[in-house]
Amino acid sequence: MLLDNHNRHINYLRLAVTDRCNLRCNYCMPSEGINFVKNDKLLSINELKELSSILVGQGIDKIRITGGEPFVRKELMVLLRHLSKLKDLKDISVTTNATLIGPYIDELKELGIKNINVSLDAIDRTTFERITRRDQYDTVYENLVKLISEGFNVRINFIVLEGQNEQDIISILDIMKHYPVAVRFLEEMPFNGGSKSFKTIKWDYKVILEHISTVFPNYKKLVSPKTSTSINYQIEGHKSTFGLIPSFSRTFCGTCNRLRITATGDVITCLYGKPKANLRDLLRQAKSNKKVEEAILTAIGARAKTGFEAQQEHASVFDSSMTSIGG
């Protein structure tokens, strides 16, 4: 079992497999993109397999594959096949923009990987294309429908962006009410590749709920796991649920059970903090398992208590891109 220095049980790994993405969402990176790392600086698929096995051996029982866009990474399915065979791993999930997942849906189902988070910040085509700077709406929507129809546990992650997509909050709830999906509204975060600077946000989780309640006043709060980052609700008559994630307000730090490892091997114990170690060179040494385990334990033993405390490690976090941090 992994316990941090605040006695929090760490059992959930968010593992980034690439820093690359085929979209250019304006809250994530500048239109020209970022300087993606060279391939030899990325963890190889074999290194990702080895690292996953080490962490599962230490007590990680939930792994979410992230990016960038995970399906940009060649041989991603090789890693997912490996994870599906780790007997102590209870939950494998993927966060994707749903542009490239289509050809892999059948195999994901065969492997028992049923939890898919789809990043979708607009249900209106024009808004979607303005935010993503790409013409991928039809592909995303078709893949989303297929995931739902194939019985996947689909969660839609919708970041509320002031002046861009507020009008789609009600629209997406209205469209998804017929389906057993979870629509989760996230507060905007200051990781956007330098495209914007802010210290406060207008659309925090309380304002989002107030906005929803003006159209859908009949909703009930759902019981959520202690470690959940989302506050979850269901509107009367809807098959879907909706959640609010206070990603900027950071109300959930006290029960945080997450560890992040980037595609280059950085260990991030808080999204708002600096990396605590890098495992890439260790993994490339002979008989590295023990050193990797020790590095992970050292990093977890020096976690900030809250995201606000972790943010003090930076002079600024506003020039970071989420695609390089590992969503």
C-alpha atoms as a PDB file:
ATOM      1  CA  MET A   1       0.000   0.000   0.000  1.00  0.00           C
ATOM      2  CA  LEU A   2       1.214   3.481  -0.890  1.00  0.00           C
ATOM      3  CA  LEU A   3       0.634   6.122   1.788  1.00  0.00           C
ATOM      4  CA  ASP A   4       1.732   9.712   1.440  1.00  0.00           C
ATOM      5  CA  ASN A   5       3.064  11.970   4.183  1.00  0.00           C
ATOM      6  CA  HIS A   6      -0.509  13.048   5.006  1.00  0.00           C
ATOM      7  CA  ASN A   7      -1.670   9.436   5.425  1.00  0.00           C
ATOM      8  CA  ARG A   8      -3.615   9.455   2.155  1.00  0.00           C
ATOM      9  CA  HIS A   9      -3.856   6.100   0.399  1.00  0.00           C
ATOM     10  CA  ILE A  10      -2.506   6.433  -3.164  1.00  0.00           C
ATOM     11  CA  ASN A  11      -4.035   3.769  -5.388  1.00  0.00           C
ATOM     12  CA  TYR A  12      -4.818   5.647  -8.619  1.00  0.00           C
ATOM     13  CA  LEU A  13      -2.267   6.336 -11.373  1.00  0.00           C
ATOM     14  CA  ARG A  14      -2.851   8.682 -14.273  1.00  0.00           C
ATOM     15  CA  LEU A  15      -0.289   7.523 -16.818  1.00  0.00           C
ATOM     16  CA  ALA A  16       0.410   9.728 -19.846  1.00  0.00           C
ATOM     17  CA  VAL A  17       1.621   7.859 -22.915  1.00  0.00           C
ATOM     18  CA  THR A  18       2.326  10.880 -25.133  1.00  0.00           C
ATOM     19  CA  ASP A  19       2.469  14.660 -25.013  1.00  0.00           C
ATOM     20  CA  ARG A  20       1.152  14.889 -28.581  1.00  0.00           C
ATOM     21  CA  CYS A  21      -2.397  15.681 -29.615  1.00  0.00           C
ATOM     22  CA  ASN A  22      -4.141  15.977 -32.965  1.00  0.00           C
ATOM     23  CA  LEU A  23      -6.388  18.808 -31.740  1.00  0.00           C
ATOM     24  CA  ARG A  24      -5.313  22.316 -30.756  1.00  0.00           C
ATOM     25  CA  CYS A  25      -7.805  23.260 -28.059  1.00  0.00           C
ATOM     26  CA  ASN A  26      -7.325  26.919 -27.258  1.00  0.00           C
ATOM     27  CA  TYR A  27      -7.323  26.429 -23.469  1.00  0.00           C
ATOM     28  CA  CYS A  28      -4.639  23.739 -23.685  1.00  0.00           C
ATOM     29  CA  MET A  29      -2.008  25.095 -26.045  1.00  0.00           C
ATOM     30  CA  PRO A  30      -1.309  27.899 -28.507  1.00  0.00           C
ATOM     31  CA  SER A  31      -2.554  27.499 -32.096  1.00  0.00           C
ATOM     32  CA  GLU A  32       0.979  26.744 -33.323  1.00  0.00           C
ATOM     33  CA  GLY A  33       1.246  23.927 -30.791  1.00  0.00           C
ATOM     34  CA  ILE A  34       4.095  23.394 -28.359  1.00  0.00           C
ATOM     35  CA  ASN A  35       7.591  21.969 -28.657  1.00  0.00           C
ATOM     36  CA  PHE A  36       6.753  18.289 -28.325  1.00  0.00           C
ATOM     37  CA  VAL A  37       9.546  16.187 -26.850  1.00  0.00           C
ATOM     38  CA  LYS A  38      11.676  13.960 -29.066  1.00  0.00           C
ATOM     39  CA  ASN A  39      10.727  10.310 -29.233  1.00  0.00           C
ATOM     40  CA  ASP A  40      13.823   9.125 -27.381  1.00  0.00           C
ATOM     41  CA  LYS A  41      12.771  11.227 -24.386  1.00  0.00           C
ATOM     42  CA  LEU A  42       9.390   9.500 -24.170  1.00  0.00           C
ATOM     43  CA  LEU A  43       8.992   6.337 -22.166  1.00  0.00           C
ATOM     44  CA  SER A  44       8.883   3.405 -24.579  1.00  0.00           C
ATOM     45  CA  ILE A  45       5.944   1.020 -24.571  1.00  0.00           C
ATOM     46  CA  ASN A  46       8.123  -1.586 -22.833  1.00  0.00           C
ATOM     47  CA  GLU A  47       9.135   0.978 -20.214  1.00  0.00           C
ATOM     48  CA  LEU A  48       5.476   1.919 -19.682  1.00  0.00           C
ATOM     49  CA  LYS A  49       4.658  -1.777 -19.248  1.00  0.00           C
ATOM     50  CA  GLU A  50       7.465  -2.245 -16.733  1.00  0.00           C
ATOM     51  CA  LEU A  51       6.549   0.895 -14.821  1.00  0.00           C
ATOM     52  CA  SER A  52       2.890  -0.113 -14.643  1.00  0.00           C
ATOM     53  CA  SER A  53       3.815  -3.517 -13.261  1.00  0.00           C
ATOM     54  CA  ILE A  54       6.054  -1.949 -10.614  1.00  0.00           C
ATOM     55  CA  LEU A  55       3.329   0.443  -9.470  1.00  0.00           C
ATOM     56  CA  VAL A  56       0.648  -2.235  -9.376  1.00  0.00           C
ATOM     57  CA  GLY A  57       3.059  -4.238  -7.229  1.00  0.00           C
ATOM     58  CA  GLN A  58       3.246  -1.244  -4.885  1.00  0.00           C
ATOM     59  CA  GLY A  59      -0.522  -1.034  -4.514  1.00  0.00           C
ATOM     60  CA  ILE A  60      -1.856   0.918  -7.493  1.00  0.00           C
ATOM     61  CA  ASP A  61      -5.131  -0.759  -8.487  1.00  0.00           C
ATOM     62  CA  LYS A  62      -6.531   1.838 -10.893  1.00  0.00           C
ATOM     63  CA  ILE A  63      -4.748   3.186 -13.972  1.00  0.00           C
ATOM     64  CA  ARG A  64      -6.101   5.822 -16.312  1.00  0.00           C
ATOM     65  CA  ILE A  65      -4.288   6.236 -19.622  1.00  0.00           C
ATOM     66  CA  THR A  66      -3.995   9.877 -20.671  1.00  0.00           C
ATOM     67  CA  GLY A  67      -1.968  12.114 -22.985  1.00  0.00           C
ATOM     68  CA  GLY A  68      -1.943  14.293 -25.006  1.00  0.00           C
ATOM     69  CA  GLU A  69      -4.263  12.123 -27.009  1.00  0.00           C
ATOM     70  CA  PRO A  70      -3.465   8.486 -26.084  1.00  0.00           C
ATOM     71  CA  PHE A  71      -4.466   7.026 -29.453  1.00  0.00           C
ATOM     72  CA  VAL A  72      -1.846   9.138 -31.198  1.00  0.00           C
ATOM     73  CA  ARG A  73       0.694   6.801 -29.583  1.00  0.00           C
ATOM     74  CA  LYS A  74       1.668   3.856 -31.756  1.00  0.00           C
ATOM     75  CA  GLU A  75       1.311   0.454 -30.068  1.00  0.00           C
ATOM     76  CA  LEU A  76      -0.951   1.842 -27.359  1.00  0.00           C
ATOM     77  CA  MET A  77      -2.973  -1.357 -27.552  1.00  0.00           C
ATOM     78  CA  VAL A  78       0.169  -3.348 -26.671  1.00  0.00           C
ATOM     79  CA  LEU A  79       0.281  -1.505 -23.368  1.00  0.00           C
ATOM     80  CA  LEU A  80      -3.446  -1.921 -22.777  1.00  0.00           C
ATOM     81  CA  ARG A  81      -3.222  -5.658 -23.441  1.00  0.00           C
ATOM     82  CA  HIS A  82      -0.455  -5.854 -20.839  1.00  0.00           C
ATOM     83  CA  LEU A  83      -2.468  -3.917 -18.282  1.00  0.00           C
ATOM     84  CA  SER A  84      -5.477  -6.178 -18.811  1.00  0.00           C
ATOM     85  CA  LYS A  85      -3.372  -9.133 -17.655  1.00  0.00           C
ATOM     86  CA  LEU A  86      -2.251  -7.590 -14.351  1.00  0.00           C
ATOM     87  CA  LYS A  87      -4.387  -9.486 -11.847  1.00  0.00           C
ATOM     88  CA  ASP A  88      -4.155  -6.879  -9.073  1.00  0.00           C
ATOM     89  CA  LEU A  89      -5.255  -4.046 -11.364  1.00  0.00           C
ATOM     90  CA  LYS A  90      -8.981  -3.555 -10.787  1.00  0.00           C
ATOM     91  CA  ASP A  91      -9.735  -0.675 -13.140  1.00  0.00           C
ATOM     92  CA  ILE A  92      -8.267   0.408 -16.470  1.00  0.00           C
ATOM     93  CA  SER A  93      -9.680   3.541 -18.064  1.00  0.00           C
ATOM     94  CA  VAL A  94      -8.813   5.918 -20.884  1.00  0.00           C
ATOM     95  CA  THR A  95      -9.259   9.651 -21.388  1.00  0.00           C
ATOM     96  CA  THR A  96      -9.524  10.566 -25.077  1.00  0.00           C
ATOM     97  CA  ASN A  97     -10.793  13.251 -27.437  1.00  0.00           C
ATOM     98  CA  ALA A  98     -12.555  10.425 -29.358  1.00  0.00           C
ATOM     99  CA  THR A  99     -11.102  11.346 -32.744  1.00  0.00           C
ATOM    100  CA  LEU A 100      -9.021   8.174 -33.169  1.00  0.00           C
ATOM    101  CA  ILE A 101     -10.628   5.612 -30.868  1.00  0.00           C
ATOM    102  CA  GLY A 102     -13.062   4.200 -33.443  1.00  0.00           C
ATOM    103  CA  PRO A 103     -10.955   1.290 -34.811  1.00  0.00           C
ATOM    104  CA  TYR A 104     -10.111   0.127 -31.285  1.00  0.00           C
ATOM    105  CA  ILE A 105     -13.556   0.082 -29.670  1.00  0.00           C
ATOM    106  CA  ASP A 106     -14.169  -3.627 -30.246  1.00  0.00           C
ATOM    107  CA  GLU A 107     -10.827  -4.701 -28.786  1.00  0.00           C
ATOM    108  CA  LEU A 108     -11.177  -2.362 -25.807  1.00  0.00           C
ATOM    109  CA  LYS A 109     -14.444  -4.102 -25.041  1.00  0.00           C
ATOM    110  CA  GLU A 110     -12.824  -7.538 -25.387  1.00  0.00           C
ATOM    111  CA  LEU A 111     -10.074  -6.501 -22.957  1.00  0.00           C
ATOM    112  CA  GLY A 112     -12.652  -5.405 -20.400  1.00  0.00           C
ATOM    113  CA  ILE A 113     -11.700  -1.734 -20.640  1.00  0.00           C
ATOM    114  CA  LYS A 114     -15.126  -0.167 -20.291  1.00  0.00           C
ATOM    115  CA  ASN A 115     -14.449   3.205 -18.606  1.00  0.00           C
ATOM    116  CA  ILE A 116     -13.882   5.914 -21.200  1.00  0.00           C
ATOM    117  CA  ASN A 117     -13.714   9.645 -20.539  1.00  0.00           C
ATOM    118  CA  VAL A 118     -14.401  11.728 -23.638  1.00  0.00           C
ATOM    119  CA  SER A 119     -13.123  15.300 -23.617  1.00  0.00           C
ATOM    120  CA  LEU A 120     -15.907  17.280 -25.299  1.00  0.00           C
ATOM    121  CA  ASP A 121     -16.225  20.979 -24.539  1.00  0.00           C
ATOM    122  CA  ALA A 122     -19.097  21.719 -26.920  1.00  0.00           C
ATOM    123  CA  ILE A 123     -22.081  19.941 -28.422  1.00  0.00           C
ATOM    124  CA  ASP A 124     -22.539  22.614 -31.096  1.00  0.00           C
ATOM    125  CA  ARG A 125     -20.402  22.085 -34.198  1.00  0.00           C
ATOM    126  CA  THR A 126     -19.349  25.725 -34.608  1.00  0.00           C
ATOM    127  CA  THR A 127     -18.321  26.045 -30.965  1.00  0.00           C
ATOM    128  CA  PHE A 128     -16.471  22.722 -31.097  1.00  0.00           C
ATOM    129  CA  GLU A 129     -14.473  23.745 -34.153  1.00  0.00           C
ATOM    130  CA  ARG A 130     -13.678  27.160 -32.706  1.00  0.00           C
ATOM    131  CA  ILE A 131     -12.318  25.647 -29.482  1.00  0.00           C
ATOM    132  CA  THR A 132     -10.446  22.691 -31.013  1.00  0.00           C
ATOM    133  CA  ARG A 133      -9.305  24.549 -34.152  1.00  0.00           C
ATOM    134  CA  ARG A 134      -9.990  21.347 -36.081  1.00  0.00           C
ATOM    135  CA  ASP A 135     -12.767  19.854 -38.243  1.00  0.00           C
ATOM    136  CA  GLN A 136     -13.377  16.636 -36.275  1.00  0.00           C
ATOM    137  CA  TYR A 137     -16.922  17.093 -34.977  1.00  0.00           C
ATOM    138  CA  ASP A 138     -18.560  14.302 -36.991  1.00  0.00           C
ATOM    139  CA  THR A 139     -15.871  11.761 -36.067  1.00  0.00           C
ATOM    140  CA  VAL A 140     -16.070  12.604 -32.375  1.00  0.00           C
ATOM    141  CA  TYR A 141     -19.844  12.465 -32.291  1.00  0.00           C
ATOM    142  CA  GLU A 142     -19.983   9.167 -34.186  1.00  0.00           C
ATOM    143  CA  ASN A 143     -17.426   7.558 -31.885  1.00  0.00           C
ATOM    144  CA  LEU A 144     -19.224   8.902 -28.825  1.00  0.00           C
ATOM    145  CA  VAL A 145     -22.500   7.359 -29.999  1.00  0.00           C
ATOM    146  CA  LYS A 146     -20.767   4.046 -30.707  1.00  0.00           C
ATOM    147  CA  LEU A 147     -19.167   3.958 -27.248  1.00  0.00           C
ATOM    148  CA  ILE A 148     -22.549   4.567 -25.640  1.00  0.00           C
ATOM    149  CA  SER A 149     -24.332   2.004 -27.812  1.00  0.00           C
ATOM    150  CA  GLU A 150     -21.645  -0.612 -27.089  1.00  0.00           C
ATOM    151  CA  GLY A 151     -22.262  -0.278 -23.363  1.00  0.00           C
ATOM    152  CA  PHE A 152     -19.125   1.564 -22.278  1.00  0.00           C
ATOM    153  CA  ASN A 153     -19.220   3.615 -19.085  1.00  0.00           C
ATOM    154  CA  VAL A 154     -18.880   6.996 -20.769  1.00  0.00           C
ATOM    155  CA  ARG A 155     -18.090  10.203 -18.936  1.00  0.00           C
ATOM    156  CA  ILE A 156     -18.020  13.421 -20.915  1.00  0.00           C
ATOM    157  CA  ASN A 157     -15.552  15.999 -19.597  1.00  0.00           C
ATOM    158  CA  PHE A 158     -16.684  19.528 -20.451  1.00  0.00           C
ATOM    159  CA  ILE A 159     -14.433  22.405 -19.360  1.00  0.00           C
ATOM    160  CA  VAL A 160     -16.514  25.562 -18.933  1.00  0.00           C
ATOM    161  CA  LEU A 161     -14.709  28.361 -20.753  1.00  0.00           C
ATOM    162  CA  GLU A 162     -15.841  31.918 -20.105  1.00  0.00           C
ATOM    163  CA  GLY A 163     -17.070  33.589 -23.283  1.00  0.00           C
ATOM    164  CA  GLN A 164     -16.776  30.415 -25.362  1.00  0.00           C
ATOM    165  CA  ASN A 165     -19.083  27.536 -24.480  1.00  0.00           C
ATOM    166  CA  GLU A 166     -21.400  28.512 -21.613  1.00  0.00           C
ATOM    167  CA  GLN A 167     -24.332  28.305 -24.016  1.00  0.00           C
ATOM    168  CA  ASP A 168     -23.647  24.579 -24.515  1.00  0.00           C
ATOM    169  CA  ILE A 169     -24.013  23.648 -20.824  1.00  0.00           C
ATOM    170  CA  ILE A 170     -27.774  23.303 -21.030  1.00  0.00           C
ATOM    171  CA  SER A 171     -27.675  21.965 -24.589  1.00  0.00           C
ATOM    172  CA  ILE A 172     -25.406  19.039 -23.773  1.00  0.00           C
ATOM    173  CA  LEU A 173     -27.500  18.102 -20.737  1.00  0.00           C
ATOM    174  CA  ASP A 174     -30.650  18.195 -22.846  1.00  0.00           C
ATOM    175  CA  ILE A 175     -29.155  16.014 -25.593  1.00  0.00           C
ATOM    176  CA  MET A 176     -27.563  13.491 -23.234  1.00  0.00           C
ATOM    177  CA  LYS A 177     -30.646  13.058 -21.042  1.00  0.00           C
ATOM    178  CA  HIS A 178     -31.665  10.022 -23.100  1.00  0.00           C
ATOM    179  CA  TYR A 179     -28.390   8.147 -22.488  1.00  0.00           C
ATOM    180  CA  PRO A 180     -26.751   6.532 -19.433  1.00  0.00           C
ATOM    181  CA  VAL A 181     -23.729   8.833 -19.497  1.00  0.00           C
ATOM    182  CA  ALA A 182     -22.159  11.192 -16.972  1.00  0.00           C
ATOM    183  CA  VAL A 183     -21.599  14.759 -18.120  1.00  0.00           C
ATOM    184  CA  ARG A 184     -18.988  16.388 -15.923  1.00  0.00           C
ATOM    185  CA  PHE A 185     -18.368  20.123 -15.947  1.00  0.00           C
ATOM    186  CA  LEU A 186     -14.857  21.167 -14.975  1.00  0.00           C
ATOM    187  CA  GLU A 187     -13.706  24.553 -13.825  1.00  0.00           C
ATOM    188  CA  GLU A 188     -11.128  26.087 -16.134  1.00  0.00           C
ATOM    189  CA  MET A 189      -7.541  25.620 -14.978  1.00  0.00           C
ATOM    190  CA  PRO A 190      -4.437  27.792 -15.527  1.00  0.00           C
ATOM    191  CA  PHE A 191      -2.654  25.275 -17.754  1.00  0.00           C
ATOM    192  CA  ASN A 192      -3.088  26.615 -21.229  1.00  0.00           C
ATOM    193  CA  GLY A 193       0.258  27.026 -22.927  1.00  0.00           C
ATOM    194  CA  GLY A 194       0.434  30.710 -22.154  1.00  0.00           C
ATOM    195  CA  SER A 195      -2.688  31.643 -24.097  1.00  0.00           C
ATOM    196  CA  LYS A 196      -4.358  33.202 -21.068  1.00  0.00           C
ATOM    197  CA  SER A 197      -3.510  34.359 -17.574  1.00  0.00           C
ATOM    198  CA  PHE A 198      -5.974  34.460 -14.710  1.00  0.00           C
ATOM    199  CA  LYS A 199      -6.126  34.341 -10.932  1.00  0.00           C
ATOM    200  CA  THR A 200      -9.862  33.894 -10.575  1.00  0.00           C
ATOM    201  CA  ILE A 201     -12.612  32.370 -12.693  1.00  0.00           C
ATOM    202  CA  LYS A 202     -16.191  33.409 -13.279  1.00  0.00           C
ATOM    203  CA  TRP A 203     -17.570  29.919 -13.885  1.00  0.00           C
ATOM    204  CA  ASP A 204     -16.705  28.099 -10.676  1.00  0.00           C
ATOM    205  CA  TYR A 205     -18.628  24.972  -9.696  1.00  0.00           C
ATOM    206  CA  LYS A 206     -21.219  26.901  -7.677  1.00  0.00           C
ATOM    207  CA  VAL A 207     -22.025  29.223 -10.593  1.00  0.00           C
ATOM    208  CA  ILE A 208     -22.273  26.260 -12.983  1.00  0.00           C
ATOM    209  CA  LEU A 209     -24.793  24.568 -10.669  1.00  0.00           C
ATOM    210  CA  GLU A 210     -26.827  27.764 -10.334  1.00  0.00           C
ATOM    211  CA  HIS A 211     -26.917  28.072 -14.117  1.00  0.00           C
ATOM    212  CA  ILE A 212     -28.115  24.480 -14.545  1.00  0.00           C
ATOM    213  CA  SER A 213     -30.765  24.884 -11.843  1.00  0.00           C
ATOM    214  CA  THR A 214     -32.410  27.768 -13.709  1.00  0.00           C
ATOM    215  CA  VAL A 215     -33.470  25.320 -16.445  1.00  0.00           C
ATOM    216  CA  PHE A 216     -33.444  22.024 -14.553  1.00  0.00           C
ATOM    217  CA  PRO A 217     -34.506  22.853 -10.969  1.00  0.00           C
ATOM    218  CA  ASN A 218     -35.542  19.295 -10.130  1.00  0.00           C
ATOM    219  CA  TYR A 219     -32.299  17.471  -9.444  1.00  0.00           C
ATOM    220  CA  LYS A 220     -30.939  15.392  -6.598  1.00  0.00           C
ATOM    221  CA  LYS A 221     -27.449  15.040  -5.233  1.00  0.00           C
ATOM    222  CA  LEU A 222     -25.951  11.565  -5.593  1.00  0.00           C
ATOM    223  CA  VAL A 223     -23.726   9.727  -3.147  1.00  0.00           C
ATOM    224  CA  SER A 224     -20.141   9.764  -4.461  1.00  0.00           C
ATOM    225  CA  PRO A 225     -17.029   7.845  -3.387  1.00  0.00           C
ATOM    226  CA  LYS A 226     -14.902   9.626  -0.804  1.00  0.00           C
ATOM    227  CA  THR A 227     -12.053  10.041  -3.295  1.00  0.00           C
ATOM    228  CA  SER A 228     -14.242  11.390  -6.095  1.00  0.00           C
ATOM    229  CA  THR A 229     -13.211  14.732  -7.576  1.00  0.00           C
ATOM    230  CA  SER A 230     -16.747  15.359  -8.815  1.00  0.00           C
ATOM    231  CA  ILE A 231     -19.907  16.371  -6.957  1.00  0.00           C
ATOM    232  CA  ASN A 232     -22.595  14.377  -8.738  1.00  0.00           C
ATOM    233  CA  TYR A 233     -26.278  14.989  -9.442  1.00  0.00           C
ATOM    234  CA  GLN A 234     -29.163  13.598 -11.465  1.00  0.00           C
ATOM    235  CA  ILE A 235     -31.956  15.598 -13.029  1.00  0.00           C
ATOM    236  CA  GLU A 236     -35.455  14.186 -12.648  1.00  0.00           C
ATOM    237  CA  GLY A 237     -36.424  12.193 -15.749  1.00  0.00           C
ATOM    238  CA  HIS A 238     -32.879  12.027 -17.134  1.00  0.00           C
ATOM    239  CA  LYS A 239     -31.014   8.769 -17.731  1.00  0.00           C
ATOM    240  CA  SER A 240     -27.778  10.744 -17.593  1.00  0.00           C
ATOM    241  CA  THR A 241     -26.125  12.272 -14.551  1.00  0.00           C
ATOM    242  CA  PHE A 242     -24.004  15.398 -14.267  1.00  0.00           C
ATOM    243  CA  GLY A 243     -21.056  16.247 -12.107  1.00  0.00           C
ATOM    244  CA  LEU A 244     -19.132  19.344 -11.092  1.00  0.00           C
ATOM    245  CA  ILE A 245     -15.352  19.149 -10.732  1.00  0.00           C
ATOM    246  CA  PRO A 246     -13.840  22.045  -8.713  1.00  0.00           C
ATOM    247  CA  SER A 247     -10.495  21.737 -10.492  1.00  0.00           C
ATOM    248  CA  PHE A 248      -9.617  25.388  -9.854  1.00  0.00           C
ATOM    249  CA  SER A 249     -11.301  25.683  -6.448  1.00  0.00           C
ATOM    250  CA  ARG A 250      -9.612  22.423  -5.361  1.00  0.00           C
ATOM    251  CA  THR A 251     -12.092  21.357  -2.692  1.00  0.00           C
ATOM    252  CA  PHE A 252     -11.139  17.671  -2.948  1.00  0.00           C
ATOM    253  CA  CYS A 253      -7.440  17.804  -1.982  1.00  0.00           C
ATOM    254  CA  GLY A 254      -7.996  16.238   1.432  1.00  0.00           C
ATOM    255  CA  THR A 255      -8.976  12.894  -0.080  1.00  0.00           C
ATOM    256  CA  CYS A 256      -6.674  12.912  -3.115  1.00  0.00           C
ATOM    257  CA  ASN A 257      -5.574   9.385  -4.046  1.00  0.00           C
ATOM    258  CA  ARG A 258      -3.870  10.232  -7.347  1.00  0.00           C
ATOM    259  CA  LEU A 259      -0.389  10.026  -8.749  1.00  0.00           C
ATOM    260  CA  ARG A 260       0.577  11.300 -12.193  1.00  0.00           C
ATOM    261  CA  ILE A 261       3.441  10.164 -14.366  1.00  0.00           C
ATOM    262  CA  THR A 262       4.082  12.055 -17.583  1.00  0.00           C
ATOM    263  CA  ALA A 263       5.072  10.575 -20.927  1.00  0.00           C
ATOM    264  CA  THR A 264       8.684  11.534 -20.202  1.00  0.00           C
ATOM    265  CA  GLY A 265       8.699   9.876 -16.787  1.00  0.00           C
ATOM    266  CA  ASP A 266       8.151  12.860 -14.497  1.00  0.00           C
ATOM    267  CA  VAL A 267       6.418  11.974 -11.234  1.00  0.00           C
ATOM    268  CA  ILE A 268       3.773  14.578 -10.384  1.00  0.00           C
ATOM    269  CA  THR A 269       2.110  14.230  -6.998  1.00  0.00           C
ATOM    270  CA  CYS A 270      -0.136  17.264  -7.497  1.00  0.00           C
ATOM    271  CA  LEU A 271      -1.361  18.762 -10.749  1.00  0.00           C
ATOM    272  CA  TYR A 272      -0.422  22.223  -9.475  1.00  0.00           C
ATOM    273  CA  GLY A 273       3.050  21.268  -8.241  1.00  0.00           C
ATOM    274  CA  LYS A 274       6.441  20.639  -9.778  1.00  0.00           C
ATOM    275  CA  PRO A 275       7.634  17.140 -10.707  1.00  0.00           C
ATOM    276  CA  LYS A 276       9.144  15.315  -7.739  1.00  0.00           C
ATOM    277  CA  ALA A 277      11.314  12.857  -9.678  1.00  0.00           C
ATOM    278  CA  ASN A 278      11.987  11.467 -13.128  1.00  0.00           C
ATOM    279  CA  LEU A 279      11.922   7.729 -13.701  1.00  0.00           C
ATOM    280  CA  ARG A 280      13.059   7.523 -17.332  1.00  0.00           C
ATOM    281  CA  ASP A 281      16.787   7.170 -16.706  1.00  0.00           C
ATOM    282  CA  LEU A 282      16.169   4.797 -13.812  1.00  0.00           C
ATOM    283  CA  LEU A 283      14.030   2.552 -15.989  1.00  0.00           C
ATOM    284  CA  ARG A 284      16.828   2.438 -18.571  1.00  0.00           C
ATOM    285  CA  GLN A 285      19.318   1.083 -16.068  1.00  0.00           C
ATOM    286  CA  ALA A 286      19.873  -2.621 -15.471  1.00  0.00           C
ATOM    287  CA  LYS A 287      17.962  -4.085 -12.518  1.00  0.00           C
ATOM    288  CA  SER A 288      16.111  -0.806 -12.058  1.00  0.00           C
ATOM    289  CA  ASN A 289      12.960  -1.952 -10.253  1.00  0.00           C
ATOM    290  CA  LYS A 290      14.203  -1.285  -6.732  1.00  0.00           C
ATOM    291  CA  LYS A 291      15.441   2.212  -7.605  1.00  0.00           C
ATOM    292  CA  VAL A 292      12.141   3.051  -9.305  1.00  0.00           C
ATOM    293  CA  GLU A 293      10.187   1.850  -6.268  1.00  0.00           C
ATOM    294  CA  GLU A 294      12.367   3.957  -3.953  1.00  0.00           C
ATOM    295  CA  ALA A 295      11.971   7.061  -6.145  1.00  0.00           C
ATOM    296  CA  ILE A 296       8.187   6.683  -6.112  1.00  0.00           C
ATOM    297  CA  LEU A 297       8.109   6.250  -2.343  1.00  0.00           C
ATOM    298  CA  THR A 298      10.306   9.330  -1.872  1.00  0.00           C
ATOM    299  CA  ALA A 299       8.067  11.426  -4.132  1.00  0.00           C
ATOM    300  CA  ILE A 300       4.873  10.306  -2.411  1.00  0.00           C
ATOM    301  CA  GLY A 301       6.468  11.001   0.958  1.00  0.00           C
ATOM    302  CA  ALA A 302       6.878  14.697   0.076  1.00  0.00           C
ATOM    303  CA  ARG A 303       3.416  15.605  -1.242  1.00  0.00           C
ATOM    304  CA  ALA A 304       1.883  19.004  -0.679  1.00  0.00           C
ATOM    305  CA  LYS A 305      -1.216  18.930   1.484  1.00  0.00           C
ATOM    306  CA  THR A 306      -3.295  20.915  -1.011  1.00  0.00           C
ATOM    307  CA  GLY A 307      -3.106  22.204  -4.553  1.00  0.00           C
ATOM    308  CA  PHE A 308      -2.746  25.730  -3.213  1.00  0.00           C
ATOM    309  CA  GLU A 309       0.329  24.698  -1.233  1.00  0.00           C
ATOM    310  CA  ALA A 310       1.749  22.876  -4.268  1.00  0.00           C
ATOM    311  CA  GLN A 311       1.253  25.945  -6.445  1.00  0.00           C
ATOM    312  CA  GLN A 312       3.711  27.849  -4.248  1.00  0.00           C
ATOM    313  CA  GLU A 313       6.465  25.699  -5.764  1.00  0.00           C
ATOM    314  CA  HIS A 314       6.048  27.685  -8.985  1.00  0.00           C
ATOM    315  CA  ALA A 315       6.749  31.295  -9.749  1.00  0.00           C
ATOM    316  CA  SER A 316       3.965  30.795 -12.282  1.00  0.00           C
ATOM    317  CA  VAL A 317       2.042  27.808 -13.601  1.00  0.00           C
ATOM    318  CA  PHE A 318       0.366  29.685 -16.416  1.00  0.00           C
ATOM    319  CA  ASP A 319       2.903  28.785 -19.094  1.00  0.00           C
ATOM    320  CA  SER A 320       2.361  25.038 -18.736  1.00  0.00           C
ATOM    321  CA  SER A 321       0.337  23.091 -21.288  1.00  0.00           C
ATOM    322  CA  MET A 322      -1.947  20.326 -20.029  1.00  0.00           C
ATOM    323  CA  THR A 323      -0.849  18.101 -22.882  1.00  0.00           C
ATOM    324  CA  SER A 324       2.721  18.093 -21.520  1.00  0.00           C
ATOM    325  CA  ILE A 325       1.659  17.677 -17.881  1.00  0.00           C
ATOM    326  CA  GLY A 326      -0.483  14.641 -18.611  1.00  0.00           C
ATOM    327  CA  GLY A 327      -4.229  15.320 -18.251  1.00  0.00           C
END
